[in-house]
Amino acid sequence: MIKKIVSVKSAGNILLILFSLLIVFHVLVLLRVFPSNMVWGGRAAVSPSNLVLFEIIALLVLILFMLIIAAKTGYFKIFKSQKALNVCIWIIFAYMLLNAFANLASSVAAERIIFLPFNLVMAVLVSRLGVE
């Protein structure tokens, strides 16, 4: 059914835009434009060094995900095997679902209200790439 709603190219392009927005958001958290208690279940706000470490990890993961999605969308080839690329796509899907559950369980309202739906939409779009 999802195949009829959105093409692989469109899903990939939307995901690249959404991941780019997440990167901007995490940079703005690092720059203290957004409060650090909005992320990581509020735990990163306890220690500035933890915040920097967590945000750098988040940025690296997002960049890696973008590279994989760009490859699946056809912008470049980083995998010799399509099977390996598909495994990476399903790993991203699992990550999105786990992140959605973490958002749901979070005591931070912004994570439940803003990031939970955001992650669920992204998971659906990633699943579209996976079923191709």
N, C-alpha and C. Protein backbone atom coordinates (compact mmCIF):
# COMPACT_ATOMS: atom_id res chain seq x y z
N MET A 1 0.81 -1.19 0.00
CA MET A 1 0.00 0.00 0.00
C MET A 1 0.86 1.26 0.00
N ILE A 2 1.92 1.27 0.80
CA ILE A 2 2.79 2.45 0.88
C ILE A 2 3.44 2.72 -0.48
N LYS A 3 3.65 1.67 -1.27
CA LYS A 3 4.25 1.85 -2.59
C LYS A 3 3.39 2.72 -3.49
N LYS A 4 2.08 2.68 -3.30
CA LYS A 4 1.17 3.46 -4.13
C LYS A 4 1.08 4.91 -3.66
N ILE A 5 1.43 5.16 -2.42
CA ILE A 5 1.28 6.50 -1.85
C ILE A 5 2.49 7.38 -2.16
N VAL A 6 3.69 6.82 -2.01
CA VAL A 6 4.90 7.62 -2.18
C VAL A 6 5.97 6.79 -2.90
N SER A 7 6.63 7.41 -3.84
CA SER A 7 7.69 6.72 -4.58
C SER A 7 8.96 6.65 -3.73
N VAL A 8 9.86 5.79 -4.14
CA VAL A 8 11.14 5.67 -3.44
C VAL A 8 11.89 6.99 -3.48
N LYS A 9 11.92 7.61 -4.63
CA LYS A 9 12.63 8.89 -4.78
C LYS A 9 12.03 9.95 -3.87
N SER A 10 10.71 10.04 -3.85
CA SER A 10 10.05 11.03 -2.99
C SER A 10 10.31 10.74 -1.51
N ALA A 11 10.18 9.48 -1.12
CA ALA A 11 10.43 9.10 0.28
C ALA A 11 11.86 9.45 0.67
N GLY A 12 12.80 9.13 -0.21
CA GLY A 12 14.20 9.44 0.06
C GLY A 12 14.45 10.93 0.17
N ASN A 13 13.86 11.69 -0.74
CA ASN A 13 14.05 13.15 -0.71
C ASN A 13 13.43 13.77 0.54
N ILE A 14 12.23 13.31 0.92
CA ILE A 14 11.60 13.81 2.13
C ILE A 14 12.46 13.47 3.35
N LEU A 15 12.96 12.24 3.39
CA LEU A 15 13.83 11.84 4.51
C LEU A 15 15.09 12.68 4.58
N LEU A 16 15.68 12.96 3.43
CA LEU A 16 16.89 13.78 3.44
C LEU A 16 16.60 15.19 3.98
N ILE A 17 15.44 15.71 3.63
CA ILE A 17 15.04 17.02 4.16
C ILE A 17 14.81 16.94 5.67
N LEU A 18 14.10 15.90 6.12
CA LEU A 18 13.81 15.76 7.55
C LEU A 18 15.08 15.54 8.37
N PHE A 19 15.99 14.72 7.85
CA PHE A 19 17.26 14.51 8.55
C PHE A 19 18.08 15.80 8.58
N SER A 20 18.01 16.58 7.51
CA SER A 20 18.70 17.87 7.50
C SER A 20 18.13 18.80 8.57
N LEU A 21 16.80 18.79 8.71
CA LEU A 21 16.17 19.60 9.75
C LEU A 21 16.60 19.13 11.14
N LEU A 22 16.71 17.83 11.32
CA LEU A 22 17.19 17.31 12.61
C LEU A 22 18.63 17.73 12.88
N ILE A 23 19.45 17.74 11.86
CA ILE A 23 20.84 18.18 12.03
C ILE A 23 20.85 19.65 12.47
N VAL A 24 20.07 20.48 11.81
CA VAL A 24 19.99 21.89 12.20
C VAL A 24 19.53 22.01 13.65
N PHE A 25 18.51 21.24 14.01
CA PHE A 25 18.01 21.27 15.38
C PHE A 25 19.10 20.92 16.38
N HIS A 26 19.83 19.84 16.13
CA HIS A 26 20.87 19.41 17.07
C HIS A 26 22.01 20.43 17.15
N VAL A 27 22.34 21.06 16.05
CA VAL A 27 23.34 22.13 16.09
C VAL A 27 22.82 23.29 16.94
N LEU A 28 21.55 23.61 16.79
CA LEU A 28 20.97 24.70 17.58
C LEU A 28 20.91 24.35 19.07
N VAL A 29 20.74 23.08 19.38
CA VAL A 29 20.82 22.66 20.79
C VAL A 29 22.24 22.86 21.30
N LEU A 30 23.22 22.48 20.49
CA LEU A 30 24.62 22.69 20.88
C LEU A 30 24.94 24.17 21.08
N LEU A 31 24.33 25.00 20.27
CA LEU A 31 24.56 26.45 20.37
C LEU A 31 23.67 27.10 21.44
N ARG A 32 22.90 26.26 22.13
CA ARG A 32 22.02 26.71 23.22
C ARG A 32 20.86 27.60 22.75
N VAL A 33 20.50 27.50 21.48
CA VAL A 33 19.33 28.21 20.97
C VAL A 33 18.07 27.51 21.51
N PHE A 34 18.10 26.18 21.51
CA PHE A 34 17.04 25.39 22.12
C PHE A 34 17.58 24.83 23.43
N PRO A 35 16.71 24.70 24.43
CA PRO A 35 17.18 24.17 25.71
C PRO A 35 17.60 22.71 25.60
N SER A 36 18.66 22.36 26.30
CA SER A 36 19.18 21.00 26.22
C SER A 36 18.26 19.98 26.89
N ASN A 37 17.33 20.44 27.72
CA ASN A 37 16.42 19.48 28.35
C ASN A 37 15.34 18.99 27.39
N MET A 38 15.35 19.48 26.14
CA MET A 38 14.40 19.01 25.12
C MET A 38 14.85 17.70 24.49
N VAL A 39 16.09 17.32 24.71
CA VAL A 39 16.64 16.13 24.05
C VAL A 39 17.16 15.14 25.07
N TRP A 40 17.30 13.90 24.63
CA TRP A 40 17.88 12.84 25.45
C TRP A 40 17.11 12.64 26.75
N GLY A 41 15.80 12.82 26.69
CA GLY A 41 14.96 12.63 27.87
C GLY A 41 15.28 13.59 28.99
N GLY A 42 15.93 14.71 28.65
CA GLY A 42 16.31 15.71 29.65
C GLY A 42 17.59 15.38 30.39
N ARG A 43 18.15 14.19 30.13
CA ARG A 43 19.35 13.75 30.86
C ARG A 43 20.62 14.48 30.44
N ALA A 44 20.67 14.96 29.22
CA ALA A 44 21.88 15.62 28.72
C ALA A 44 22.05 16.99 29.36
N ALA A 45 20.98 17.55 29.89
CA ALA A 45 21.05 18.88 30.49
C ALA A 45 21.82 18.87 31.81
N VAL A 46 21.99 17.71 32.40
CA VAL A 46 22.68 17.59 33.68
C VAL A 46 24.14 17.98 33.57
N SER A 47 24.77 17.59 32.48
CA SER A 47 26.20 17.85 32.30
C SER A 47 26.46 18.40 30.91
N PRO A 48 27.07 19.60 30.83
CA PRO A 48 27.37 20.15 29.50
C PRO A 48 28.29 19.25 28.67
N SER A 49 29.21 18.55 29.30
CA SER A 49 30.09 17.67 28.54
C SER A 49 29.31 16.49 27.97
N ASN A 50 28.33 15.99 28.73
CA ASN A 50 27.47 14.93 28.20
C ASN A 50 26.66 15.43 27.02
N LEU A 51 26.16 16.65 27.13
CA LEU A 51 25.38 17.22 26.05
C LEU A 51 26.20 17.28 24.76
N VAL A 52 27.40 17.78 24.85
CA VAL A 52 28.26 17.88 23.66
C VAL A 52 28.52 16.50 23.07
N LEU A 53 28.86 15.54 23.92
CA LEU A 53 29.12 14.18 23.45
C LEU A 53 27.88 13.58 22.80
N PHE A 54 26.74 13.66 23.47
CA PHE A 54 25.50 13.10 22.93
C PHE A 54 25.12 13.76 21.61
N GLU A 55 25.26 15.06 21.53
CA GLU A 55 24.88 15.78 20.31
C GLU A 55 25.83 15.47 19.16
N ILE A 56 27.10 15.31 19.44
CA ILE A 56 28.06 14.93 18.38
C ILE A 56 27.73 13.53 17.87
N ILE A 57 27.42 12.63 18.78
CA ILE A 57 27.02 11.28 18.36
C ILE A 57 25.76 11.35 17.51
N ALA A 58 24.78 12.14 17.95
CA ALA A 58 23.54 12.28 17.18
C ALA A 58 23.82 12.82 15.79
N LEU A 59 24.67 13.82 15.70
CA LEU A 59 25.00 14.40 14.39
C LEU A 59 25.69 13.39 13.49
N LEU A 60 26.60 12.61 14.03
CA LEU A 60 27.31 11.60 13.22
C LEU A 60 26.34 10.52 12.74
N VAL A 61 25.45 10.09 13.61
CA VAL A 61 24.46 9.08 13.23
C VAL A 61 23.54 9.63 12.13
N LEU A 62 23.09 10.87 12.29
CA LEU A 62 22.22 11.47 11.28
C LEU A 62 22.92 11.60 9.93
N ILE A 63 24.18 11.98 9.94
CA ILE A 63 24.94 12.09 8.69
C ILE A 63 25.09 10.71 8.04
N LEU A 64 25.40 9.70 8.86
CA LEU A 64 25.51 8.33 8.33
C LEU A 64 24.18 7.89 7.72
N PHE A 65 23.08 8.14 8.42
CA PHE A 65 21.76 7.78 7.90
C PHE A 65 21.48 8.50 6.58
N MET A 66 21.85 9.77 6.51
CA MET A 66 21.64 10.53 5.27
C MET A 66 22.43 9.93 4.12
N LEU A 67 23.65 9.51 4.37
CA LEU A 67 24.46 8.89 3.31
C LEU A 67 23.81 7.61 2.81
N ILE A 68 23.32 6.81 3.73
CA ILE A 68 22.67 5.55 3.36
C ILE A 68 21.39 5.83 2.57
N ILE A 69 20.59 6.77 3.02
CA ILE A 69 19.34 7.10 2.33
C ILE A 69 19.63 7.71 0.96
N ALA A 70 20.64 8.55 0.87
CA ALA A 70 21.01 9.13 -0.42
C ALA A 70 21.45 8.04 -1.39
N ALA A 71 22.16 7.04 -0.87
CA ALA A 71 22.58 5.92 -1.72
C ALA A 71 21.37 5.12 -2.19
N LYS A 72 20.44 4.86 -1.28
CA LYS A 72 19.24 4.09 -1.64
C LYS A 72 18.37 4.86 -2.63
N THR A 73 18.37 6.18 -2.50
CA THR A 73 17.58 7.03 -3.39
C THR A 73 18.23 7.14 -4.77
N GLY A 74 19.49 6.76 -4.87
CA GLY A 74 20.16 6.73 -6.16
C GLY A 74 21.08 7.90 -6.45
N TYR A 75 21.40 8.68 -5.43
CA TYR A 75 22.27 9.84 -5.65
C TYR A 75 23.73 9.45 -5.84
N PHE A 76 24.15 8.38 -5.20
CA PHE A 76 25.50 7.85 -5.40
C PHE A 76 25.54 6.41 -4.90
N LYS A 77 26.64 5.75 -5.20
CA LYS A 77 26.77 4.35 -4.82
C LYS A 77 27.89 4.21 -3.79
N ILE A 78 27.52 3.76 -2.59
CA ILE A 78 28.54 3.50 -1.57
C ILE A 78 28.59 2.03 -1.20
N PHE A 79 27.65 1.26 -1.70
CA PHE A 79 27.60 -0.16 -1.42
C PHE A 79 27.72 -0.92 -2.72
N LYS A 80 28.52 -1.97 -2.72
CA LYS A 80 28.60 -2.82 -3.90
C LYS A 80 27.39 -3.75 -3.94
N SER A 81 26.89 -4.07 -2.76
CA SER A 81 25.77 -5.00 -2.65
C SER A 81 24.48 -4.27 -2.30
N GLN A 82 23.46 -4.50 -3.09
CA GLN A 82 22.15 -3.93 -2.80
C GLN A 82 21.60 -4.53 -1.51
N LYS A 83 21.95 -5.78 -1.26
CA LYS A 83 21.49 -6.46 -0.04
C LYS A 83 22.05 -5.75 1.20
N ALA A 84 23.32 -5.38 1.18
CA ALA A 84 23.91 -4.67 2.31
C ALA A 84 23.24 -3.31 2.52
N LEU A 85 22.93 -2.64 1.43
CA LEU A 85 22.24 -1.36 1.51
C LEU A 85 20.86 -1.54 2.14
N ASN A 86 20.15 -2.58 1.72
CA ASN A 86 18.81 -2.84 2.28
C ASN A 86 18.88 -3.18 3.77
N VAL A 87 19.90 -3.92 4.18
CA VAL A 87 20.08 -4.22 5.61
C VAL A 87 20.26 -2.92 6.39
N CYS A 88 21.04 -2.01 5.85
CA CYS A 88 21.25 -0.71 6.50
C CYS A 88 19.94 0.08 6.59
N ILE A 89 19.14 0.02 5.56
CA ILE A 89 17.84 0.72 5.57
C ILE A 89 16.96 0.15 6.69
N TRP A 90 16.93 -1.17 6.83
CA TRP A 90 16.10 -1.77 7.88
C TRP A 90 16.66 -1.48 9.28
N ILE A 91 17.97 -1.33 9.38
CA ILE A 91 18.55 -0.92 10.66
C ILE A 91 18.10 0.49 11.01
N ILE A 92 18.08 1.38 10.02
CA ILE A 92 17.59 2.75 10.25
C ILE A 92 16.12 2.70 10.67
N PHE A 93 15.34 1.85 10.02
CA PHE A 93 13.93 1.70 10.38
C PHE A 93 13.79 1.27 11.84
N ALA A 94 14.55 0.26 12.24
CA ALA A 94 14.51 -0.22 13.63
C ALA A 94 14.91 0.89 14.60
N TYR A 95 15.94 1.64 14.23
CA TYR A 95 16.38 2.77 15.06
C TYR A 95 15.26 3.81 15.21
N MET A 96 14.57 4.10 14.12
CA MET A 96 13.47 5.07 14.18
C MET A 96 12.36 4.59 15.10
N LEU A 97 12.04 3.30 15.02
CA LEU A 97 11.00 2.75 15.90
C LEU A 97 11.44 2.79 17.36
N LEU A 98 12.68 2.40 17.63
CA LEU A 98 13.19 2.45 19.01
C LEU A 98 13.19 3.88 19.52
N ASN A 99 13.57 4.80 18.67
CA ASN A 99 13.57 6.21 19.05
C ASN A 99 12.15 6.70 19.32
N ALA A 100 11.18 6.23 18.55
CA ALA A 100 9.79 6.60 18.77
C ALA A 100 9.31 6.09 20.13
N PHE A 101 9.67 4.85 20.47
CA PHE A 101 9.31 4.31 21.78
C PHE A 101 9.97 5.10 22.90
N ALA A 102 11.21 5.50 22.69
CA ALA A 102 11.90 6.33 23.70
C ALA A 102 11.20 7.67 23.84
N ASN A 103 10.77 8.26 22.74
CA ASN A 103 10.03 9.51 22.80
C ASN A 103 8.71 9.34 23.55
N LEU A 104 8.05 8.24 23.30
CA LEU A 104 6.79 7.95 23.96
C LEU A 104 6.97 7.81 25.47
N ALA A 105 8.07 7.20 25.88
CA ALA A 105 8.33 6.98 27.30
C ALA A 105 8.97 8.18 27.99
N SER A 106 9.35 9.19 27.23
CA SER A 106 10.07 10.33 27.79
C SER A 106 9.18 11.15 28.71
N SER A 107 9.81 11.73 29.72
CA SER A 107 9.09 12.64 30.62
C SER A 107 9.08 14.06 30.06
N VAL A 108 9.78 14.28 28.95
CA VAL A 108 9.86 15.59 28.32
C VAL A 108 8.72 15.72 27.31
N ALA A 109 7.85 16.70 27.53
CA ALA A 109 6.67 16.88 26.68
C ALA A 109 7.03 17.08 25.21
N ALA A 110 8.09 17.84 24.94
CA ALA A 110 8.48 18.11 23.55
C ALA A 110 8.83 16.83 22.81
N GLU A 111 9.43 15.89 23.51
CA GLU A 111 9.78 14.63 22.85
C GLU A 111 8.52 13.83 22.51
N ARG A 112 7.54 13.85 23.38
CA ARG A 112 6.30 13.11 23.11
C ARG A 112 5.44 13.82 22.06
N ILE A 113 5.35 15.13 22.14
CA ILE A 113 4.42 15.87 21.28
C ILE A 113 5.01 16.15 19.89
N ILE A 114 6.29 16.50 19.83
CA ILE A 114 6.90 16.89 18.56
C ILE A 114 7.66 15.73 17.93
N PHE A 115 8.56 15.11 18.68
CA PHE A 115 9.48 14.15 18.08
C PHE A 115 8.88 12.77 17.88
N LEU A 116 7.88 12.38 18.67
CA LEU A 116 7.24 11.08 18.45
C LEU A 116 6.58 11.01 17.08
N PRO A 117 5.69 11.95 16.74
CA PRO A 117 5.10 11.88 15.39
C PRO A 117 6.15 12.02 14.28
N PHE A 118 7.14 12.88 14.51
CA PHE A 118 8.22 13.09 13.55
C PHE A 118 8.93 11.76 13.27
N ASN A 119 9.27 11.01 14.34
CA ASN A 119 9.94 9.73 14.19
C ASN A 119 9.06 8.69 13.53
N LEU A 120 7.78 8.70 13.83
CA LEU A 120 6.88 7.73 13.21
C LEU A 120 6.75 7.98 11.71
N VAL A 121 6.64 9.24 11.32
CA VAL A 121 6.60 9.57 9.88
C VAL A 121 7.89 9.13 9.21
N MET A 122 9.01 9.39 9.86
CA MET A 122 10.29 8.99 9.29
C MET A 122 10.39 7.47 9.18
N ALA A 123 9.88 6.75 10.18
CA ALA A 123 9.92 5.28 10.14
C ALA A 123 9.09 4.77 8.95
N VAL A 124 7.93 5.35 8.72
CA VAL A 124 7.11 4.94 7.59
C VAL A 124 7.83 5.19 6.27
N LEU A 125 8.48 6.36 6.16
CA LEU A 125 9.21 6.68 4.93
C LEU A 125 10.40 5.76 4.73
N VAL A 126 11.10 5.44 5.82
CA VAL A 126 12.24 4.52 5.71
C VAL A 126 11.73 3.12 5.32
N SER A 127 10.59 2.72 5.86
CA SER A 127 10.05 1.41 5.48
C SER A 127 9.72 1.37 3.99
N ARG A 128 9.32 2.52 3.44
CA ARG A 128 9.07 2.60 1.99
C ARG A 128 10.33 2.30 1.21
N LEU A 129 11.46 2.83 1.70
CA LEU A 129 12.73 2.52 1.03
C LEU A 129 13.08 1.05 1.18
N GLY A 130 12.74 0.49 2.33
CA GLY A 130 13.07 -0.91 2.59
C GLY A 130 12.28 -1.91 1.76
N VAL A 131 11.04 -1.59 1.45
CA VAL A 131 10.21 -2.55 0.70
C VAL A 131 10.48 -2.49 -0.81
N GLU A 132 11.27 -1.55 -1.25
CA GLU A 132 11.57 -1.43 -2.68
C GLU A 132 12.48 -2.56 -3.12
